[in-house]
Amino acid sequence: MTSLDKSDAAVDPLPGGPRRGRVRRRRAGVPLPLLVPALIGLAFLLLPLVALLVRAPWRSLPDQLTSTEVWQSLQLSLVCATAATAVSLVVGVPLAWLLARADFPGRGLVRALVTLPLVLPPVVGGVALLMALGRNGVVGQWLDSWFGITLPFTTAGVVVAEAFVAMPFLVISVEGTLRAADPRYEEAATTLGASRFTAFRRVTLPLIAPGIAAGSVLAWARALGEFGATITFAGNFPGRTQTMPLAVYLALQSDPAAAIALSLVLLAVSIAVLAGLRDRWMTAS
């Protein structure tokens, strides 16, 4: 056996034997019938984004972003998206723990209902919120008569609508992280005298912190871009319920430059979210 053969034998895996060294994988060529539609699909996804960058009013962009209307929409969007994410954290993390750790009848149905807003048209979600929390809604009528709380067409209504559509992203992320975490750490903490809540707070939360962070970013980005449920449940009132997506829709009819400027901000946020989550949701080549 030559030295070259010995080198190949050291790196090539043998059936049933240990794998030593680094195996060099060959990249197969891409068949033309797959390459052409793949390039068409890539162009289809990238062309609108490139067109947005090409047609952007770069010279007047600072003036567009500092105008009163745009700044109000931007500020309201950031505040409401952050508040919706906070609401999702408070109730979504315990819900994810319930789905991942507790065993109860109908858990699969509950999980399906929790993820329903992911596939439900946002406008339908807004109508459902009106039927539930409106002044004549199933719960909203009691909130109005007992506590004087009215949610539709208010800033609080924006937060509710965004939390409704964004919370499933957080729940799915945290539940997946909980299922991957070893429950024996919690069991060991309970055998040492810790209560279940103390074990969750001191042991489980640090273990699933990356999943909570990823889910929070996804929920925040989804809340920031929410349109259908917001305009249906909260309306489109400048300075009160007009978020960035609503401002884009309104500006496109009268001031396309402002619409492009706001779209660029949302695009930058989306890119930042993907960049922040690339280590978790993307695999390196």
Protein backbone atom coordinates (compact mmCIF):
# COMPACT_ATOMS: atom_id res chain seq x y z
CA MET A 1 0.00 0.00 0.00
CA THR A 2 1.39 3.38 -1.03
CA SER A 3 1.50 6.43 1.20
CA LEU A 4 -1.42 7.90 -0.77
CA ASP A 5 -3.50 4.79 -0.16
CA LYS A 6 -2.70 4.93 3.54
CA SER A 7 -3.77 8.55 3.66
CA ASP A 8 -7.06 7.74 1.96
CA ALA A 9 -7.63 4.83 4.32
CA ALA A 10 -7.10 7.09 7.32
CA VAL A 11 -9.81 9.51 6.33
CA ASP A 12 -12.34 7.28 4.58
CA PRO A 13 -14.90 5.71 6.90
CA LEU A 14 -14.95 1.92 6.89
CA PRO A 15 -18.19 -0.02 7.38
CA GLY A 16 -18.44 -0.92 11.03
CA GLY A 17 -15.19 0.77 11.95
CA PRO A 18 -14.33 4.04 13.67
CA ARG A 19 -14.28 7.23 11.67
CA ARG A 20 -10.93 8.96 12.01
CA GLY A 21 -9.87 12.21 10.53
CA ARG A 22 -12.00 14.54 8.52
CA VAL A 23 -13.94 13.08 5.64
CA ARG A 24 -13.99 15.32 2.61
CA ARG A 25 -17.45 15.38 1.10
CA ARG A 26 -17.86 15.89 -2.58
CA ARG A 27 -20.40 18.43 -3.69
CA ALA A 28 -22.49 16.97 -6.43
CA GLY A 29 -23.28 19.12 -9.43
CA VAL A 30 -26.73 20.67 -9.64
CA PRO A 31 -28.87 19.23 -12.45
CA LEU A 32 -30.00 21.83 -14.95
CA PRO A 33 -33.73 20.98 -14.54
CA LEU A 34 -33.35 21.89 -10.84
CA LEU A 35 -30.99 24.83 -11.24
CA VAL A 36 -33.21 26.85 -13.58
CA PRO A 37 -36.38 26.83 -11.43
CA ALA A 38 -34.25 27.39 -8.33
CA LEU A 39 -32.75 30.54 -9.86
CA ILE A 40 -36.21 31.68 -10.96
CA GLY A 41 -37.50 31.21 -7.41
CA LEU A 42 -34.54 33.13 -5.99
CA ALA A 43 -35.10 35.98 -8.43
CA PHE A 44 -38.81 36.00 -7.61
CA LEU A 45 -38.03 36.49 -3.90
CA LEU A 46 -35.21 38.99 -4.30
CA LEU A 47 -36.49 41.15 -7.15
CA PRO A 48 -39.15 43.05 -5.12
CA LEU A 49 -36.61 43.77 -2.37
CA VAL A 50 -34.04 44.98 -4.88
CA ALA A 51 -36.68 47.15 -6.54
CA LEU A 52 -37.52 48.67 -3.17
CA LEU A 53 -33.88 49.59 -2.65
CA VAL A 54 -33.51 50.94 -6.19
CA ARG A 55 -36.59 53.15 -5.98
CA ALA A 56 -35.90 54.37 -2.45
CA PRO A 57 -35.65 58.17 -2.11
CA TRP A 58 -32.22 58.07 -0.50
CA ARG A 59 -31.67 61.85 -0.65
CA SER A 60 -34.95 62.70 1.04
CA LEU A 61 -34.93 59.65 3.30
CA PRO A 62 -33.76 61.52 6.45
CA ASP A 63 -36.53 64.09 5.98
CA GLN A 64 -39.09 61.34 5.42
CA LEU A 65 -38.10 59.44 8.55
CA THR A 66 -38.04 62.56 10.72
CA SER A 67 -41.47 63.85 9.69
CA THR A 68 -44.09 64.01 12.42
CA GLU A 69 -46.42 61.41 10.93
CA VAL A 70 -43.69 58.87 10.26
CA TRP A 71 -42.12 59.39 13.67
CA GLN A 72 -45.46 58.92 15.41
CA SER A 73 -46.09 55.67 13.56
CA LEU A 74 -42.56 54.45 14.22
CA GLN A 75 -42.70 55.28 17.91
CA LEU A 76 -46.14 53.73 18.33
CA SER A 77 -45.05 50.58 16.52
CA LEU A 78 -41.97 50.13 18.68
CA VAL A 79 -43.87 50.71 21.92
CA CYS A 80 -46.80 48.46 21.01
CA ALA A 81 -44.59 45.67 19.64
CA THR A 82 -42.51 45.72 22.83
CA ALA A 83 -45.62 45.69 25.01
CA ALA A 84 -47.13 42.84 23.00
CA THR A 85 -43.90 40.87 23.39
CA ALA A 86 -43.96 41.47 27.15
CA VAL A 87 -47.54 40.19 27.32
CA SER A 88 -46.53 37.17 25.26
CA LEU A 89 -43.66 36.46 27.65
CA VAL A 90 -45.81 36.68 30.77
CA VAL A 91 -48.47 34.24 29.56
CA GLY A 92 -46.67 32.47 26.70
CA VAL A 93 -43.76 30.97 28.63
CA PRO A 94 -46.04 29.27 31.21
CA LEU A 95 -48.25 28.06 28.36
CA ALA A 96 -45.24 26.58 26.58
CA TRP A 97 -44.18 24.85 29.81
CA LEU A 98 -47.68 23.42 30.17
CA LEU A 99 -47.60 22.00 26.65
CA ALA A 100 -44.09 20.60 27.01
CA ARG A 101 -44.08 19.25 30.57
CA ALA A 102 -47.66 18.61 31.68
CA ASP A 103 -49.60 15.55 30.58
CA PHE A 104 -53.35 16.15 30.34
CA PRO A 105 -56.20 15.02 28.09
CA GLY A 106 -56.54 17.01 24.91
CA ARG A 107 -53.02 18.40 24.94
CA GLY A 108 -52.74 17.94 21.17
CA LEU A 109 -55.95 19.88 20.63
CA VAL A 110 -54.74 22.67 22.91
CA ARG A 111 -51.47 22.86 20.98
CA ALA A 112 -53.37 23.08 17.70
CA LEU A 113 -55.53 25.90 19.06
CA VAL A 114 -52.48 27.77 20.33
CA THR A 115 -50.84 27.65 16.90
CA LEU A 116 -54.07 28.50 15.06
CA PRO A 117 -53.26 32.25 14.79
CA LEU A 118 -50.23 31.29 12.68
CA VAL A 119 -52.46 30.12 9.83
CA LEU A 120 -55.57 32.17 10.59
CA PRO A 121 -55.96 35.20 8.29
CA PRO A 122 -55.12 38.26 10.42
CA VAL A 123 -58.36 40.00 9.41
CA VAL A 124 -60.31 37.02 10.72
CA GLY A 125 -58.32 37.28 13.93
CA GLY A 126 -59.31 40.94 14.21
CA VAL A 127 -62.98 40.07 13.72
CA ALA A 128 -62.68 37.35 16.37
CA LEU A 129 -61.14 39.85 18.78
CA LEU A 130 -64.03 42.22 18.15
CA MET A 131 -66.54 39.47 18.87
CA ALA A 132 -64.70 38.63 22.09
CA LEU A 133 -63.44 41.97 23.41
CA GLY A 134 -65.60 44.54 21.65
CA ARG A 135 -68.11 46.64 23.54
CA ASN A 136 -70.80 44.08 22.76
CA GLY A 137 -68.41 41.14 22.77
CA VAL A 138 -68.61 38.01 24.85
CA VAL A 139 -66.09 39.36 27.37
CA GLY A 140 -65.82 42.97 26.27
CA GLN A 141 -69.33 43.89 27.42
CA TRP A 142 -68.42 42.90 30.98
CA LEU A 143 -65.12 44.75 30.81
CA ASP A 144 -66.99 47.86 29.71
CA SER A 145 -69.85 47.67 32.24
CA TRP A 146 -67.86 46.49 35.27
CA PHE A 147 -64.48 48.19 34.86
CA GLY A 148 -65.05 50.80 32.15
CA ILE A 149 -62.36 49.20 29.97
CA THR A 150 -62.76 49.57 26.21
CA LEU A 151 -60.12 47.94 24.05
CA PRO A 152 -61.21 48.37 20.39
CA PHE A 153 -59.83 51.41 18.56
CA THR A 154 -57.37 52.23 21.33
CA THR A 155 -53.61 51.88 21.75
CA ALA A 156 -54.24 49.02 24.17
CA GLY A 157 -56.25 47.36 21.41
CA VAL A 158 -53.17 47.52 19.17
CA VAL A 159 -51.17 45.69 21.84
CA VAL A 160 -53.90 43.05 22.19
CA ALA A 161 -54.13 42.49 18.42
CA GLU A 162 -50.34 42.21 18.06
CA ALA A 163 -50.03 39.85 21.02
CA PHE A 164 -52.75 37.62 19.56
CA VAL A 165 -50.86 37.05 16.33
CA ALA A 166 -47.32 37.09 17.78
CA MET A 167 -47.62 34.90 20.87
CA PRO A 168 -47.69 31.55 18.97
CA PHE A 169 -44.16 32.24 17.69
CA LEU A 170 -42.92 32.55 21.26
CA VAL A 171 -44.85 29.51 22.49
CA ILE A 172 -43.57 27.26 19.69
CA SER A 173 -39.97 28.35 20.21
CA VAL A 174 -40.04 27.93 23.99
CA GLU A 175 -41.90 24.62 23.82
CA GLY A 176 -39.32 23.21 21.42
CA THR A 177 -36.52 24.33 23.73
CA LEU A 178 -38.26 22.78 26.74
CA ARG A 179 -38.66 19.46 24.95
CA ALA A 180 -34.96 19.47 24.10
CA ALA A 181 -33.94 20.30 27.68
CA ASP A 182 -33.27 17.39 30.02
CA PRO A 183 -36.08 17.23 32.64
CA ARG A 184 -33.82 15.36 35.04
CA TYR A 185 -32.32 18.63 36.19
CA GLU A 186 -35.73 19.76 37.39
CA GLU A 187 -36.35 16.39 39.03
CA ALA A 188 -33.00 16.61 40.83
CA ALA A 189 -33.88 20.07 42.12
CA THR A 190 -37.23 18.85 43.45
CA THR A 191 -35.61 15.87 45.19
CA LEU A 192 -33.31 18.35 46.97
CA GLY A 193 -36.31 20.13 48.43
CA ALA A 194 -37.06 22.81 45.85
CA SER A 195 -40.67 23.42 44.89
CA ARG A 196 -41.75 22.97 41.29
CA PHE A 197 -41.91 26.73 40.77
CA THR A 198 -38.47 27.23 42.34
CA ALA A 199 -37.05 24.51 40.10
CA PHE A 200 -38.62 26.20 37.11
CA ARG A 201 -37.27 29.62 38.11
CA ARG A 202 -33.77 28.57 39.17
CA VAL A 203 -33.10 25.61 36.86
CA THR A 204 -35.43 25.54 33.87
CA LEU A 205 -35.40 29.22 32.95
CA PRO A 206 -31.60 29.46 32.63
CA LEU A 207 -31.63 26.31 30.47
CA ILE A 208 -34.25 27.60 28.05
CA ALA A 209 -33.08 31.23 28.01
CA PRO A 210 -31.80 31.01 24.38
CA GLY A 211 -35.18 29.66 23.24
CA ILE A 212 -37.00 32.42 25.10
CA ALA A 213 -34.74 35.04 23.54
CA ALA A 214 -35.26 33.64 20.04
CA GLY A 215 -39.01 33.39 20.51
CA SER A 216 -39.16 36.93 21.90
CA VAL A 217 -37.35 38.34 18.88
CA LEU A 218 -39.64 36.47 16.50
CA ALA A 219 -42.73 37.60 18.38
CA TRP A 220 -41.50 41.20 18.45
CA ALA A 221 -40.81 41.21 14.72
CA ARG A 222 -44.21 39.65 13.98
CA ALA A 223 -45.94 42.21 16.19
CA LEU A 224 -44.07 45.06 14.52
CA GLY A 225 -45.30 43.97 11.09
CA GLU A 226 -48.90 43.17 12.04
CA PHE A 227 -51.53 44.78 9.82
CA GLY A 228 -54.80 42.86 9.38
CA ALA A 229 -55.80 42.24 12.99
CA THR A 230 -54.66 45.72 14.00
CA ILE A 231 -56.68 47.64 11.45
CA THR A 232 -59.76 45.48 12.09
CA PHE A 233 -59.68 45.59 15.88
CA ALA A 234 -57.91 48.89 16.62
CA GLY A 235 -58.57 50.97 13.51
CA ASN A 236 -56.25 53.43 11.82
CA PHE A 237 -56.08 56.62 13.88
CA PRO A 238 -52.85 58.66 13.54
CA GLY A 239 -50.99 59.00 16.80
CA ARG A 240 -53.20 56.45 18.56
CA THR A 241 -53.49 53.23 16.57
CA GLN A 242 -51.67 53.91 13.29
CA THR A 243 -48.63 51.65 13.35
CA MET A 244 -45.96 51.45 10.67
CA PRO A 245 -47.67 48.88 8.41
CA LEU A 246 -50.87 50.93 8.53
CA ALA A 247 -48.91 54.10 7.79
CA VAL A 248 -47.29 52.38 4.79
CA TYR A 249 -50.71 51.42 3.42
CA LEU A 250 -52.06 54.92 3.92
CA ALA A 251 -48.98 56.73 2.60
CA LEU A 252 -48.90 54.59 -0.54
CA GLN A 253 -52.10 56.31 -1.66
CA SER A 254 -50.89 59.89 -1.16
CA ASP A 255 -47.11 59.92 -0.55
CA PRO A 256 -45.29 56.94 -2.09
CA ALA A 257 -41.91 58.27 -0.93
CA ALA A 258 -43.01 58.06 2.70
CA ALA A 259 -44.37 54.57 2.09
CA ILE A 260 -41.01 53.46 0.70
CA ALA A 261 -39.16 55.04 3.62
CA LEU A 262 -41.30 53.18 6.16
CA SER A 263 -40.96 49.98 4.16
CA LEU A 264 -37.18 50.33 4.31
CA VAL A 265 -37.35 50.57 8.10
CA LEU A 266 -39.43 47.39 8.30
CA LEU A 267 -37.05 45.69 5.88
CA ALA A 268 -34.07 46.67 8.02
CA VAL A 269 -35.79 45.27 11.11
CA SER A 270 -36.51 41.98 9.33
CA ILE A 271 -32.89 41.66 8.23
CA ALA A 272 -31.71 42.40 11.76
CA VAL A 273 -34.01 39.68 13.14
CA LEU A 274 -32.69 37.12 10.66
CA ALA A 275 -29.11 38.12 11.41
CA GLY A 276 -29.70 37.77 15.14
CA LEU A 277 -31.27 34.33 14.78
CA ARG A 278 -29.00 32.85 12.13
CA ASP A 279 -27.07 30.69 14.63
CA ARG A 280 -30.30 29.15 15.89
CA TRP A 281 -32.46 28.77 12.81
CA MET A 282 -29.91 28.51 10.03
CA THR A 283 -27.21 25.94 9.43
CA ALA A 284 -23.84 26.86 8.04
CA SER A 285 -22.79 25.28 4.78
